[in-house]
Amino acid sequence: MNEPAIRDIWVYLSASPLLGLTITLVAYGLAYRLYLKSNSSPLANPVVSSVAMLIALLMVTGTSYSEYFEGGQFVHFLLGPATVALAVPLYQQFSRLRELWLPVTISLVCGVVIAAGSSIGLAWLLGGSTEIQMSLAPKSATAPVAMGISETIGGIPSLTAVLVVATGIVGAVLGTKLFEWMRITDDSVKGIAMGVAAHGIGTARAFQVSSQMGAFSGLAMALSAFATALIVPWLVDLIGI
């Protein structure tokens, strides 16, 4: 393809909402190829790589986030159907889930309390303001739920959104390696841990490992959001912040 043709395509895309959609798909496609070439190394997580590519491109071209999101929102819309689709592998693992309902419940409650409590405690020890502490508390829940909780308990929703993404990326990158170090081989156990700690981004990583791990991670992500909404406000009141 000659240079004028490429320029014409760029001019067309930059004047339409398709720009955000196109660069998102291209960035993720390149990031996923990089991930495969690295022998599926967690350090080459495609979510991290594609986000870095998009940030760099927007900065170089001077494109605002609002302009990008005019097209990027089409991918964002698919988050809903993708979440509902988690019911399929979950149904396939339903018999296994019935056997594990008690340890799943205990793990869920402990995970939510430890995630919120340790975040508040560390922020307090490091001199973080009350707003920072409250913004950190729900960071392990999925973004829409975490932002709502943050606003309710006195945090900064926009900061919470950033922390949620960072938490998911760190969990997706380090989670599988941590399981190897701890010699955890049961995919249902790994999935619950990943979903509670790293929500949707961790769940995407879990599906790359196995459908069973992904199914349990999706379950944990959904239940964790519900439990976080119930437990975190109560925990904040209990601590007396």
Foldseek 3Di string as FASTA:
>chain_A
DDDVVVVVVVVVLLVDLQVLVVLLVVLLVVLVVVCVVVVNALVSQSVVRSVVVVVVVCVVVVPDPVSSVSNVVVVVVVVVVVLVVLVVLLVVCVVVCVVCVVVLVVCLLVLLCCQQVVQLVVCVVVPHDPQNSLLRRQLQAPLVLSLVSSVVQRHHSVSSNVSNQVQQSVCSSCLVVVCVVVVPDDLLVSLLVQLRRRNPSSLVSSVVVDSNSNSNSSVNNVVNSVSNSVVRVVVCVVVPD
